[in-house]
């Protein structure tokens, strides 16, 4: 990695650290500069405004998940990758563990409410997660249609996001993850039994028209 890319990555990691230790209210170029051991001017050289830094932070957090997943998926022995992915995202595995990122995610979502680029970055990353899970559902349950797998992936991401926001924002116990994880098994089972009406023209993951 070149010096330029190395400093840029260090700045993003520093911003992540500030958010995780002190929350969104503490995030500033000054705080990031102190955490990174760099000058404020250098921070602004790489990131013209907080919005650009937040977009880079979205990419950084997605990379944390990718690295953890890659390290774990190669150790799967029974071929059931779907359970691995679902257990990972609800933090039910000892190794690899879901990245500790709740405060940083809270901050990014709060920022996204007023930022189209950050909202777009989040939508892109969640969409990729949805595609990944839809693929794993299709592999594990080939009797389901692609549309059904897409619906289930949408429900998974909604449950995932809702669960961790209840934990991070409202302070509910992380042990509720067992309830949410079990709900995914029940949802999948209901689709396998076709215990639901068709949704017609609704397409999961379609952008706002």
N, C-alpha and C. Protein backbone atom coordinates (compact mmCIF):
# COMPACT_ATOMS: atom_id res chain seq x y z
N UNK A 1 0.85 -1.19 0.00
CA UNK A 1 0.00 0.00 0.00
C UNK A 1 0.89 1.24 0.00
N UNK A 2 0.62 2.19 -0.89
CA UNK A 2 1.40 3.40 -0.96
C UNK A 2 1.19 4.28 0.25
N UNK A 3 2.09 5.28 0.40
CA UNK A 3 2.00 6.19 1.54
C UNK A 3 0.67 6.93 1.56
N UNK A 4 0.22 7.37 0.39
CA UNK A 4 -1.03 8.12 0.30
C UNK A 4 -2.21 7.26 0.76
N UNK A 5 -2.29 6.04 0.20
CA UNK A 5 -3.38 5.15 0.59
C UNK A 5 -3.27 4.75 2.06
N UNK A 6 -2.04 4.60 2.54
CA UNK A 6 -1.85 4.24 3.94
C UNK A 6 -2.35 5.31 4.88
N UNK A 7 -2.07 6.56 4.57
CA UNK A 7 -2.55 7.66 5.42
C UNK A 7 -4.06 7.79 5.34
N UNK A 8 -4.61 7.62 4.16
CA UNK A 8 -6.05 7.70 4.01
C UNK A 8 -6.74 6.60 4.85
N UNK A 9 -6.19 5.39 4.79
CA UNK A 9 -6.76 4.29 5.57
C UNK A 9 -6.62 4.56 7.06
N UNK A 10 -5.49 5.15 7.47
CA UNK A 10 -5.28 5.46 8.88
C UNK A 10 -6.30 6.48 9.37
N UNK A 11 -6.64 7.43 8.53
CA UNK A 11 -7.63 8.44 8.89
C UNK A 11 -9.01 7.80 9.08
N UNK A 12 -9.37 6.90 8.17
CA UNK A 12 -10.66 6.23 8.28
C UNK A 12 -10.71 5.38 9.55
N UNK A 13 -9.63 4.67 9.83
CA UNK A 13 -9.59 3.85 11.06
C UNK A 13 -9.69 4.74 12.29
N UNK A 14 -9.07 5.91 12.24
CA UNK A 14 -9.14 6.83 13.37
C UNK A 14 -10.56 7.35 13.57
N UNK A 15 -11.24 7.66 12.48
CA UNK A 15 -12.64 8.11 12.57
C UNK A 15 -13.51 7.02 13.17
N UNK A 16 -13.28 5.80 12.75
CA UNK A 16 -14.01 4.66 13.30
C UNK A 16 -13.77 4.54 14.80
N UNK A 17 -12.52 4.70 15.22
CA UNK A 17 -12.17 4.60 16.64
C UNK A 17 -12.84 5.71 17.45
N UNK A 18 -12.87 6.91 16.91
CA UNK A 18 -13.53 8.03 17.61
C UNK A 18 -15.02 7.74 17.80
N UNK A 19 -15.66 7.26 16.76
CA UNK A 19 -17.09 6.95 16.84
C UNK A 19 -17.35 5.84 17.85
N UNK A 20 -16.51 4.83 17.85
CA UNK A 20 -16.72 3.70 18.75
C UNK A 20 -16.45 4.07 20.20
N UNK A 21 -15.54 4.99 20.45
CA UNK A 21 -15.22 5.34 21.84
C UNK A 21 -16.08 6.47 22.38
N UNK A 22 -16.43 7.44 21.53
CA UNK A 22 -17.09 8.64 22.04
C UNK A 22 -18.41 8.98 21.34
N UNK A 23 -18.77 8.27 20.28
CA UNK A 23 -20.03 8.53 19.61
C UNK A 23 -19.97 9.64 18.60
N UNK A 24 -21.07 9.80 17.87
CA UNK A 24 -21.11 10.74 16.75
C UNK A 24 -20.93 12.18 17.20
N UNK A 25 -21.35 12.51 18.42
CA UNK A 25 -21.24 13.88 18.88
C UNK A 25 -19.79 14.33 19.02
N UNK A 26 -18.87 13.37 19.13
CA UNK A 26 -17.46 13.71 19.31
C UNK A 26 -16.70 13.75 17.99
N UNK A 27 -17.34 13.38 16.90
CA UNK A 27 -16.63 13.29 15.63
C UNK A 27 -16.36 14.68 15.05
N UNK A 28 -15.12 14.96 14.81
CA UNK A 28 -14.71 16.20 14.16
C UNK A 28 -13.35 15.93 13.51
N UNK A 29 -12.95 16.80 12.60
CA UNK A 29 -11.63 16.63 12.00
C UNK A 29 -10.53 16.74 13.05
N UNK A 30 -10.75 17.58 14.06
CA UNK A 30 -9.76 17.71 15.14
C UNK A 30 -9.63 16.39 15.91
N UNK A 31 -10.77 15.78 16.24
CA UNK A 31 -10.74 14.52 16.99
C UNK A 31 -10.10 13.41 16.17
N UNK A 32 -10.42 13.37 14.89
CA UNK A 32 -9.83 12.35 14.02
C UNK A 32 -8.34 12.57 13.88
N UNK A 33 -7.92 13.83 13.77
CA UNK A 33 -6.49 14.13 13.66
C UNK A 33 -5.75 13.68 14.91
N UNK A 34 -6.32 13.94 16.08
CA UNK A 34 -5.67 13.50 17.32
C UNK A 34 -5.56 11.97 17.37
N UNK A 35 -6.64 11.30 17.00
CA UNK A 35 -6.65 9.84 17.05
C UNK A 35 -5.66 9.24 16.06
N UNK A 36 -5.53 9.86 14.89
CA UNK A 36 -4.64 9.34 13.85
C UNK A 36 -3.19 9.78 14.03
N UNK A 37 -2.98 10.79 14.88
CA UNK A 37 -1.63 11.33 15.03
C UNK A 37 -1.19 12.11 13.82
N UNK A 38 -2.16 12.75 13.15
CA UNK A 38 -1.88 13.53 11.95
C UNK A 38 -2.43 14.93 12.13
N UNK A 39 -2.08 15.82 11.22
CA UNK A 39 -2.56 17.20 11.31
C UNK A 39 -3.98 17.31 10.77
N UNK A 40 -4.69 18.32 11.26
CA UNK A 40 -6.04 18.57 10.76
C UNK A 40 -6.01 18.90 9.28
N UNK A 41 -4.98 19.62 8.85
CA UNK A 41 -4.86 19.99 7.44
C UNK A 41 -4.72 18.74 6.57
N UNK A 42 -4.01 17.73 7.06
CA UNK A 42 -3.85 16.51 6.29
C UNK A 42 -5.17 15.75 6.20
N UNK A 43 -5.94 15.78 7.26
CA UNK A 43 -7.26 15.14 7.23
C UNK A 43 -8.10 15.78 6.12
N UNK A 44 -8.08 17.11 6.07
CA UNK A 44 -8.89 17.82 5.07
C UNK A 44 -8.32 17.64 3.67
N UNK A 45 -7.04 17.34 3.56
CA UNK A 45 -6.46 17.08 2.25
C UNK A 45 -7.05 15.80 1.65
N UNK A 46 -7.23 14.79 2.48
CA UNK A 46 -7.77 13.51 2.00
C UNK A 46 -9.29 13.49 1.98
N UNK A 47 -9.92 14.26 2.85
CA UNK A 47 -11.38 14.27 2.92
C UNK A 47 -11.85 15.73 3.01
N UNK A 48 -12.46 16.18 1.93
CA UNK A 48 -12.81 17.60 1.84
C UNK A 48 -13.89 18.01 2.85
N UNK A 49 -14.70 17.03 3.28
CA UNK A 49 -15.77 17.33 4.23
C UNK A 49 -16.15 16.05 4.97
N UNK A 50 -16.92 16.18 6.05
CA UNK A 50 -17.32 14.99 6.82
C UNK A 50 -18.10 13.97 5.99
N UNK A 51 -18.83 14.44 4.98
CA UNK A 51 -19.60 13.53 4.15
C UNK A 51 -18.68 12.54 3.42
N UNK A 52 -17.59 13.04 2.86
CA UNK A 52 -16.64 12.17 2.16
C UNK A 52 -16.02 11.17 3.13
N UNK A 53 -15.76 11.61 4.35
CA UNK A 53 -15.20 10.70 5.35
C UNK A 53 -16.20 9.62 5.73
N UNK A 54 -17.47 9.99 5.82
CA UNK A 54 -18.51 9.02 6.18
C UNK A 54 -18.68 7.97 5.08
N UNK A 55 -18.59 8.38 3.83
CA UNK A 55 -18.68 7.42 2.73
C UNK A 55 -17.52 6.42 2.81
N UNK A 56 -16.33 6.93 3.08
CA UNK A 56 -15.17 6.05 3.23
C UNK A 56 -15.34 5.14 4.43
N UNK A 57 -15.99 5.63 5.48
CA UNK A 57 -16.22 4.81 6.66
C UNK A 57 -17.18 3.66 6.36
N UNK A 58 -18.17 3.91 5.50
CA UNK A 58 -19.06 2.83 5.06
C UNK A 58 -18.27 1.72 4.39
N UNK A 59 -17.35 2.11 3.51
CA UNK A 59 -16.52 1.12 2.81
C UNK A 59 -15.62 0.37 3.79
N UNK A 60 -15.10 1.09 4.78
CA UNK A 60 -14.23 0.46 5.77
C UNK A 60 -14.97 -0.60 6.57
N UNK A 61 -16.18 -0.28 7.00
CA UNK A 61 -16.94 -1.25 7.79
C UNK A 61 -17.33 -2.46 6.95
N UNK A 62 -17.67 -2.23 5.69
CA UNK A 62 -17.98 -3.36 4.80
C UNK A 62 -16.76 -4.25 4.64
N UNK A 63 -15.58 -3.66 4.60
CA UNK A 63 -14.35 -4.44 4.47
C UNK A 63 -14.08 -5.27 5.72
N UNK A 64 -14.40 -4.73 6.90
CA UNK A 64 -14.25 -5.49 8.14
C UNK A 64 -15.08 -6.78 8.08
N UNK A 65 -16.30 -6.65 7.58
CA UNK A 65 -17.17 -7.82 7.47
C UNK A 65 -16.64 -8.81 6.44
N UNK A 66 -16.21 -8.30 5.30
CA UNK A 66 -15.68 -9.18 4.26
C UNK A 66 -14.49 -9.99 4.78
N UNK A 67 -13.59 -9.31 5.47
CA UNK A 67 -12.40 -9.99 5.97
C UNK A 67 -12.77 -11.09 6.97
N UNK A 68 -13.72 -10.79 7.87
CA UNK A 68 -14.14 -11.77 8.87
C UNK A 68 -14.84 -12.96 8.20
N UNK A 69 -15.67 -12.67 7.22
CA UNK A 69 -16.39 -13.75 6.53
C UNK A 69 -15.44 -14.65 5.75
N UNK A 70 -14.49 -14.05 5.05
CA UNK A 70 -13.55 -14.84 4.27
C UNK A 70 -12.72 -15.74 5.18
N UNK A 71 -12.35 -15.22 6.35
CA UNK A 71 -11.55 -16.02 7.28
C UNK A 71 -12.32 -17.19 7.85
N UNK A 72 -13.65 -17.06 7.92
CA UNK A 72 -14.46 -18.11 8.52
C UNK A 72 -15.05 -19.10 7.54
N UNK A 73 -15.40 -18.64 6.35
CA UNK A 73 -16.11 -19.50 5.42
C UNK A 73 -15.24 -20.65 4.92
N UNK A 74 -13.94 -20.45 4.91
CA UNK A 74 -13.04 -21.51 4.45
C UNK A 74 -12.97 -22.67 5.44
N UNK A 75 -13.47 -22.45 6.67
CA UNK A 75 -13.40 -23.51 7.68
C UNK A 75 -14.70 -24.30 7.79
N UNK A 76 -15.69 -23.98 6.97
CA UNK A 76 -16.96 -24.70 7.03
C UNK A 76 -16.76 -26.12 6.51
N UNK A 77 -17.19 -27.10 7.29
CA UNK A 77 -16.96 -28.49 6.92
C UNK A 77 -18.21 -29.21 6.43
N UNK A 78 -19.39 -28.76 6.89
CA UNK A 78 -20.60 -29.51 6.52
C UNK A 78 -21.27 -28.97 5.27
N UNK A 79 -20.72 -27.91 4.69
CA UNK A 79 -21.28 -27.37 3.46
C UNK A 79 -22.46 -26.43 3.65
N UNK A 80 -22.93 -26.23 4.90
CA UNK A 80 -24.07 -25.35 5.14
C UNK A 80 -23.58 -23.93 5.39
N UNK A 81 -23.35 -23.23 4.32
CA UNK A 81 -22.86 -21.86 4.44
C UNK A 81 -23.95 -20.92 4.92
N UNK A 82 -25.21 -21.22 4.66
CA UNK A 82 -26.29 -20.34 5.06
C UNK A 82 -26.32 -20.16 6.57
N UNK A 83 -26.28 -21.26 7.31
CA UNK A 83 -26.28 -21.15 8.77
C UNK A 83 -25.07 -20.36 9.26
N UNK A 84 -23.94 -20.57 8.61
CA UNK A 84 -22.74 -19.81 8.98
C UNK A 84 -22.98 -18.31 8.84
N UNK A 85 -23.52 -17.89 7.68
CA UNK A 85 -23.75 -16.47 7.46
C UNK A 85 -24.76 -15.90 8.45
N UNK A 86 -25.86 -16.60 8.66
CA UNK A 86 -26.88 -16.09 9.58
C UNK A 86 -26.34 -16.02 11.01
N UNK A 87 -25.63 -17.06 11.43
CA UNK A 87 -25.06 -17.05 12.78
C UNK A 87 -24.02 -15.95 12.94
N UNK A 88 -23.24 -15.73 11.90
CA UNK A 88 -22.21 -14.69 11.95
C UNK A 88 -22.83 -13.32 12.17
N UNK A 89 -23.81 -12.99 11.37
CA UNK A 89 -24.37 -11.64 11.45
C UNK A 89 -25.16 -11.39 12.73
N UNK A 90 -25.64 -12.45 13.36
CA UNK A 90 -26.28 -12.28 14.67
C UNK A 90 -25.30 -12.56 15.80
N UNK A 91 -24.02 -12.64 15.48
CA UNK A 91 -22.93 -12.76 16.46
C UNK A 91 -23.09 -13.98 17.35
N UNK A 92 -23.37 -15.11 16.73
CA UNK A 92 -23.52 -16.36 17.46
C UNK A 92 -22.32 -17.29 17.28
N UNK A 93 -21.29 -16.82 16.61
CA UNK A 93 -20.10 -17.63 16.40
C UNK A 93 -18.98 -17.13 17.33
N UNK A 94 -18.20 -18.05 17.82
CA UNK A 94 -17.06 -17.64 18.62
C UNK A 94 -15.92 -17.13 17.75
N UNK A 95 -15.79 -17.72 16.57
CA UNK A 95 -14.72 -17.34 15.65
C UNK A 95 -15.14 -17.73 14.23
N UNK A 96 -15.27 -16.75 13.32
CA UNK A 96 -15.05 -15.32 13.51
C UNK A 96 -16.23 -14.64 14.20
N UNK A 97 -15.97 -13.55 14.84
CA UNK A 97 -17.03 -12.77 15.47
C UNK A 97 -17.44 -11.62 14.57
N UNK A 98 -18.70 -11.25 14.70
CA UNK A 98 -19.17 -10.05 14.01
C UNK A 98 -18.35 -8.86 14.49
N UNK A 99 -17.91 -7.99 13.58
CA UNK A 99 -17.14 -6.80 13.99
C UNK A 99 -17.92 -5.97 15.01
N UNK A 100 -17.19 -5.38 15.95
CA UNK A 100 -17.81 -4.51 16.95
C UNK A 100 -17.90 -3.13 16.32
N UNK A 101 -19.07 -2.77 15.85
CA UNK A 101 -19.19 -1.53 15.07
C UNK A 101 -20.48 -0.77 15.34
N UNK A 102 -21.21 -1.12 16.40
CA UNK A 102 -22.56 -0.60 16.58
C UNK A 102 -22.62 0.93 16.64
N UNK A 103 -21.74 1.55 17.41
CA UNK A 103 -21.79 3.01 17.52
C UNK A 103 -21.43 3.68 16.20
N UNK A 104 -20.50 3.08 15.47
CA UNK A 104 -20.13 3.65 14.18
C UNK A 104 -21.29 3.53 13.19
N UNK A 105 -21.99 2.40 13.20
CA UNK A 105 -23.15 2.24 12.32
C UNK A 105 -24.23 3.24 12.68
N UNK A 106 -24.47 3.43 13.97
CA UNK A 106 -25.46 4.42 14.41
C UNK A 106 -25.13 5.80 13.84
N UNK A 107 -23.87 6.17 13.92
CA UNK A 107 -23.45 7.48 13.45
C UNK A 107 -23.63 7.62 11.95
N UNK A 108 -23.26 6.59 11.21
CA UNK A 108 -23.38 6.65 9.75
C UNK A 108 -24.85 6.77 9.34
N UNK A 109 -25.72 6.02 9.99
CA UNK A 109 -27.14 6.11 9.65
C UNK A 109 -27.72 7.47 10.02
N UNK A 110 -27.28 8.02 11.14
CA UNK A 110 -27.75 9.36 11.51
C UNK A 110 -27.31 10.37 10.47
N UNK A 111 -26.09 10.25 10.00
CA UNK A 111 -25.57 11.16 8.99
C UNK A 111 -26.28 10.96 7.67
N UNK A 112 -26.64 9.72 7.36
CA UNK A 112 -27.27 9.40 6.08
C UNK A 112 -28.61 10.08 5.89
N UNK A 113 -29.27 10.42 7.00
CA UNK A 113 -30.58 11.06 6.89
C UNK A 113 -30.52 12.36 6.10
N UNK A 114 -29.37 13.04 6.13
CA UNK A 114 -29.23 14.29 5.40
C UNK A 114 -28.18 14.26 4.31
N UNK A 115 -27.76 13.06 3.90
CA UNK A 115 -26.69 12.95 2.91
C UNK A 115 -27.02 11.90 1.86
N UNK A 116 -27.21 12.33 0.65
CA UNK A 116 -27.49 11.40 -0.45
C UNK A 116 -26.31 10.45 -0.71
N UNK A 117 -25.05 10.94 -0.76
CA UNK A 117 -23.94 10.02 -1.00
C UNK A 117 -23.78 8.95 0.08
N UNK A 118 -23.97 9.32 1.34
CA UNK A 118 -23.84 8.32 2.41
C UNK A 118 -25.00 7.33 2.33
N UNK A 119 -26.18 7.84 2.06
CA UNK A 119 -27.35 6.96 1.91
C UNK A 119 -27.14 6.00 0.75
N UNK A 120 -26.57 6.49 -0.34
CA UNK A 120 -26.31 5.64 -1.49
C UNK A 120 -25.28 4.57 -1.17
N UNK A 121 -24.24 4.94 -0.42
CA UNK A 121 -23.21 3.97 -0.05
C UNK A 121 -23.79 2.88 0.84
N UNK A 122 -24.62 3.27 1.80
CA UNK A 122 -25.25 2.28 2.68
C UNK A 122 -26.17 1.36 1.89
N UNK A 123 -26.96 1.94 1.00
CA UNK A 123 -27.88 1.13 0.20
C UNK A 123 -27.11 0.13 -0.65
N UNK A 124 -25.99 0.55 -1.18
CA UNK A 124 -25.17 -0.35 -2.00
C UNK A 124 -24.63 -1.50 -1.16
N UNK A 125 -24.10 -1.21 0.02
CA UNK A 125 -23.52 -2.26 0.85
C UNK A 125 -24.59 -3.22 1.37
N UNK A 126 -25.73 -2.70 1.79
CA UNK A 126 -26.80 -3.58 2.25
C UNK A 126 -27.36 -4.39 1.09
N UNK A 127 -27.39 -3.80 -0.09
CA UNK A 127 -27.84 -4.54 -1.26
C UNK A 127 -26.93 -5.71 -1.58
N UNK A 128 -25.63 -5.51 -1.44
CA UNK A 128 -24.68 -6.60 -1.68
C UNK A 128 -24.86 -7.70 -0.64
N UNK A 129 -25.11 -7.29 0.61
CA UNK A 129 -25.37 -8.28 1.64
C UNK A 129 -26.63 -9.07 1.29
N UNK A 130 -27.65 -8.38 0.83
CA UNK A 130 -28.88 -9.05 0.44
C UNK A 130 -28.65 -10.05 -0.68
N UNK A 131 -27.86 -9.67 -1.68
CA UNK A 131 -27.55 -10.58 -2.79
C UNK A 131 -26.80 -11.81 -2.29
N UNK A 132 -25.86 -11.59 -1.37
CA UNK A 132 -25.09 -12.70 -0.81
C UNK A 132 -26.00 -13.69 -0.09
N UNK A 133 -26.86 -13.17 0.77
CA UNK A 133 -27.74 -14.04 1.54
C UNK A 133 -28.76 -14.72 0.63
N UNK A 134 -29.30 -14.01 -0.34
CA UNK A 134 -30.24 -14.61 -1.29
C UNK A 134 -29.58 -15.79 -2.02
N UNK A 135 -28.31 -15.61 -2.39
CA UNK A 135 -27.59 -16.69 -3.07
C UNK A 135 -27.44 -17.90 -2.16
N UNK A 136 -27.07 -17.66 -0.90
CA UNK A 136 -26.87 -18.77 0.03
C UNK A 136 -28.18 -19.49 0.34
N UNK A 137 -29.29 -18.74 0.41
CA UNK A 137 -30.59 -19.36 0.62
C UNK A 137 -30.94 -20.25 -0.58
N UNK A 138 -30.68 -19.73 -1.79
CA UNK A 138 -30.98 -20.49 -3.00
C UNK A 138 -30.17 -21.78 -3.07
N UNK A 139 -28.90 -21.72 -2.66
CA UNK A 139 -28.05 -22.91 -2.68
C UNK A 139 -28.55 -23.94 -1.66
N UNK A 140 -28.89 -23.46 -0.46
CA UNK A 140 -29.30 -24.37 0.60
C UNK A 140 -30.72 -24.90 0.39
N UNK A 141 -31.56 -24.10 -0.26
CA UNK A 141 -32.96 -24.49 -0.46
C UNK A 141 -33.35 -24.29 -1.93
N UNK A 142 -32.91 -25.18 -2.82
CA UNK A 142 -33.14 -25.00 -4.26
C UNK A 142 -34.61 -25.05 -4.66
N UNK A 143 -35.50 -25.49 -3.77
CA UNK A 143 -36.92 -25.51 -4.13
C UNK A 143 -37.53 -24.10 -4.11
N UNK A 144 -36.85 -23.14 -3.52
CA UNK A 144 -37.35 -21.77 -3.46
C UNK A 144 -37.01 -21.03 -4.76
N UNK A 145 -37.92 -20.18 -5.18
CA UNK A 145 -37.68 -19.38 -6.37
C UNK A 145 -36.71 -18.25 -6.05
N UNK A 146 -36.18 -17.63 -7.09
CA UNK A 146 -35.26 -16.51 -6.88
C UNK A 146 -35.97 -15.35 -6.18
N UNK A 147 -37.25 -15.13 -6.55
CA UNK A 147 -38.01 -14.06 -5.89
C UNK A 147 -38.19 -14.36 -4.41
N UNK A 148 -38.46 -15.61 -4.07
CA UNK A 148 -38.62 -15.98 -2.67
C UNK A 148 -37.31 -15.80 -1.90
N UNK A 149 -36.21 -16.17 -2.53
CA UNK A 149 -34.92 -15.97 -1.88
C UNK A 149 -34.62 -14.49 -1.69
N UNK A 150 -35.03 -13.68 -2.67
CA UNK A 150 -34.85 -12.23 -2.54
C UNK A 150 -35.69 -11.66 -1.40
N UNK A 151 -36.93 -12.13 -1.27
CA UNK A 151 -37.78 -11.67 -0.18
C UNK A 151 -37.17 -12.04 1.17
N UNK A 152 -36.68 -13.26 1.28
CA UNK A 152 -36.09 -13.70 2.54
C UNK A 152 -34.82 -12.92 2.86
N UNK A 153 -34.05 -12.58 1.85
CA UNK A 153 -32.84 -11.80 2.10
C UNK A 153 -33.21 -10.40 2.58
N UNK A 154 -34.28 -9.85 2.03
CA UNK A 154 -34.77 -8.53 2.47
C UNK A 154 -35.22 -8.60 3.93
N UNK A 155 -35.96 -9.63 4.28
CA UNK A 155 -36.43 -9.80 5.66
C UNK A 155 -35.24 -9.99 6.60
N UNK A 156 -34.24 -10.74 6.16
CA UNK A 156 -33.05 -10.94 6.98
C UNK A 156 -32.37 -9.62 7.30
N UNK A 157 -32.14 -8.79 6.28
CA UNK A 157 -31.44 -7.54 6.51
C UNK A 157 -32.28 -6.62 7.40
N UNK A 158 -33.60 -6.61 7.22
CA UNK A 158 -34.46 -5.80 8.08
C UNK A 158 -34.39 -6.28 9.53
N UNK A 159 -34.44 -7.59 9.73
CA UNK A 159 -34.33 -8.14 11.09
C UNK A 159 -32.95 -7.83 11.68
N UNK A 160 -31.93 -8.00 10.87
CA UNK A 160 -30.57 -7.76 11.33
C UNK A 160 -30.40 -6.31 11.78
N UNK A 161 -30.79 -5.40 10.92
CA UNK A 161 -30.64 -3.98 11.25
C UNK A 161 -31.48 -3.62 12.47
N UNK A 162 -32.72 -4.08 12.49
CA UNK A 162 -33.59 -3.76 13.63
C UNK A 162 -33.06 -4.30 14.93
N UNK A 163 -32.55 -5.53 14.90
CA UNK A 163 -32.04 -6.13 16.14
C UNK A 163 -30.88 -5.31 16.70
N UNK A 164 -29.89 -5.03 15.87
CA UNK A 164 -28.71 -4.34 16.39
C UNK A 164 -28.99 -2.90 16.75
N UNK A 165 -29.98 -2.27 16.12
CA UNK A 165 -30.34 -0.91 16.55
C UNK A 165 -31.05 -0.96 17.91
N UNK A 166 -31.86 -1.98 18.15
CA UNK A 166 -32.50 -2.13 19.46
C UNK A 166 -31.44 -2.33 20.54
N UNK A 167 -30.37 -3.04 20.20
CA UNK A 167 -29.30 -3.27 21.16
C UNK A 167 -28.45 -2.00 21.34
N UNK A 168 -28.01 -1.43 20.21
CA UNK A 168 -27.07 -0.30 20.27
C UNK A 168 -27.74 0.99 20.73
N UNK A 169 -28.94 1.25 20.26
CA UNK A 169 -29.59 2.53 20.54
C UNK A 169 -30.40 2.48 21.83
N UNK A 170 -31.15 1.42 22.03
CA UNK A 170 -32.07 1.36 23.17
C UNK A 170 -31.52 0.55 24.33
N UNK A 171 -30.42 -0.13 24.13
CA UNK A 171 -29.78 -0.82 25.23
C UNK A 171 -30.36 -2.16 25.60
N UNK A 172 -31.08 -2.80 24.69
CA UNK A 172 -31.58 -4.14 24.98
C UNK A 172 -30.43 -5.15 24.97
N UNK A 173 -30.61 -6.25 25.69
CA UNK A 173 -29.56 -7.25 25.81
C UNK A 173 -29.24 -7.89 24.47
N UNK A 174 -27.97 -8.10 24.21
CA UNK A 174 -27.56 -8.75 22.97
C UNK A 174 -28.13 -10.16 22.86
N UNK A 175 -28.48 -10.76 24.00
CA UNK A 175 -29.00 -12.13 23.98
C UNK A 175 -30.31 -12.25 23.20
N UNK A 176 -30.95 -11.12 22.91
CA UNK A 176 -32.13 -11.17 22.05
C UNK A 176 -31.80 -11.69 20.65
N UNK A 177 -30.50 -11.77 20.35
CA UNK A 177 -30.09 -12.28 19.04
C UNK A 177 -30.59 -13.70 18.81
N UNK A 178 -30.75 -14.47 19.90
CA UNK A 178 -31.26 -15.83 19.75
C UNK A 178 -32.71 -15.82 19.24
N UNK A 179 -33.48 -14.85 19.70
CA UNK A 179 -34.87 -14.73 19.24
C UNK A 179 -34.89 -14.37 17.75
N UNK A 180 -34.08 -13.38 17.38
CA UNK A 180 -34.08 -12.90 16.00
C UNK A 180 -33.53 -13.95 15.04
N UNK A 181 -32.49 -14.63 15.49
CA UNK A 181 -31.91 -15.69 14.64
C UNK A 181 -32.93 -16.81 14.43
N UNK A 182 -33.65 -17.18 15.49
CA UNK A 182 -34.66 -18.24 15.36
C UNK A 182 -35.80 -17.79 14.44
N UNK A 183 -36.10 -16.50 14.46
CA UNK A 183 -37.14 -15.98 13.58
C UNK A 183 -36.78 -16.19 12.12
N UNK A 184 -35.49 -16.08 11.78
CA UNK A 184 -35.08 -16.32 10.39
C UNK A 184 -35.33 -17.77 9.99
N UNK A 185 -35.05 -18.71 10.88
CA UNK A 185 -35.33 -20.12 10.57
C UNK A 185 -36.82 -20.32 10.34
N UNK A 186 -37.64 -19.66 11.15
CA UNK A 186 -39.09 -19.81 11.02
C UNK A 186 -39.59 -19.17 9.72
N UNK A 187 -39.00 -18.05 9.35
CA UNK A 187 -39.38 -17.42 8.08
C UNK A 187 -39.03 -18.31 6.90
N UNK A 188 -37.83 -18.84 6.92
CA UNK A 188 -37.42 -19.73 5.83
C UNK A 188 -38.34 -20.94 5.78
N UNK A 189 -38.65 -21.50 6.93
CA UNK A 189 -39.54 -22.66 6.98
C UNK A 189 -40.92 -22.33 6.41
N UNK A 190 -41.42 -21.13 6.71
CA UNK A 190 -42.73 -20.74 6.19
C UNK A 190 -42.72 -20.63 4.67
N UNK A 191 -41.60 -20.19 4.11
CA UNK A 191 -41.49 -20.11 2.65
C UNK A 191 -41.38 -21.50 2.05
N UNK A 192 -40.68 -22.39 2.73
CA UNK A 192 -40.58 -23.76 2.23
C UNK A 192 -41.93 -24.46 2.24
N UNK A 193 -42.79 -24.08 3.20
CA UNK A 193 -44.13 -24.66 3.27
C UNK A 193 -45.13 -23.86 2.43
N UNK A 194 -44.65 -22.80 1.79
CA UNK A 194 -45.49 -21.91 0.98
C UNK A 194 -46.65 -21.36 1.81
N UNK A 195 -46.36 -21.02 3.07
CA UNK A 195 -47.40 -20.52 3.97
C UNK A 195 -47.49 -19.01 3.91
N UNK A 196 -47.58 -18.48 2.69
CA UNK A 196 -47.67 -17.04 2.52
C UNK A 196 -48.25 -16.75 1.14
N UNK A 197 -48.95 -15.64 0.97
CA UNK A 197 -49.48 -15.29 -0.35
C UNK A 197 -48.38 -14.69 -1.22
N UNK A 198 -48.52 -14.78 -2.53
CA UNK A 198 -47.53 -14.14 -3.41
C UNK A 198 -47.59 -12.63 -3.29
N UNK A 199 -46.44 -11.98 -3.52
CA UNK A 199 -46.37 -10.53 -3.39
C UNK A 199 -46.64 -9.81 -4.71
N UNK A 200 -46.82 -10.55 -5.79
CA UNK A 200 -47.13 -9.91 -7.06
C UNK A 200 -45.94 -9.13 -7.61
N UNK A 201 -46.14 -7.85 -7.96
CA UNK A 201 -45.09 -7.10 -8.65
C UNK A 201 -43.99 -6.57 -7.73
N UNK A 202 -44.11 -6.73 -6.42
CA UNK A 202 -43.10 -6.19 -5.51
C UNK A 202 -41.78 -6.93 -5.69
N UNK A 203 -40.72 -6.16 -5.92
CA UNK A 203 -39.39 -6.74 -6.11
C UNK A 203 -38.46 -6.27 -4.99
N UNK A 204 -37.99 -7.21 -4.16
CA UNK A 204 -37.07 -6.81 -3.09
C UNK A 204 -35.83 -6.13 -3.64
N UNK A 205 -35.34 -5.15 -2.91
CA UNK A 205 -34.11 -4.42 -3.20
C UNK A 205 -34.24 -3.43 -4.35
N UNK A 206 -35.45 -3.22 -4.85
CA UNK A 206 -35.63 -2.20 -5.89
C UNK A 206 -35.43 -0.82 -5.28
N UNK A 207 -34.73 0.08 -5.95
CA UNK A 207 -34.53 1.44 -5.42
C UNK A 207 -35.84 2.23 -5.46
N UNK A 208 -35.86 3.30 -4.71
CA UNK A 208 -37.05 4.16 -4.70
C UNK A 208 -37.28 4.75 -6.08
N UNK A 209 -38.52 4.70 -6.52
CA UNK A 209 -38.82 5.21 -7.87
C UNK A 209 -39.01 6.73 -7.84
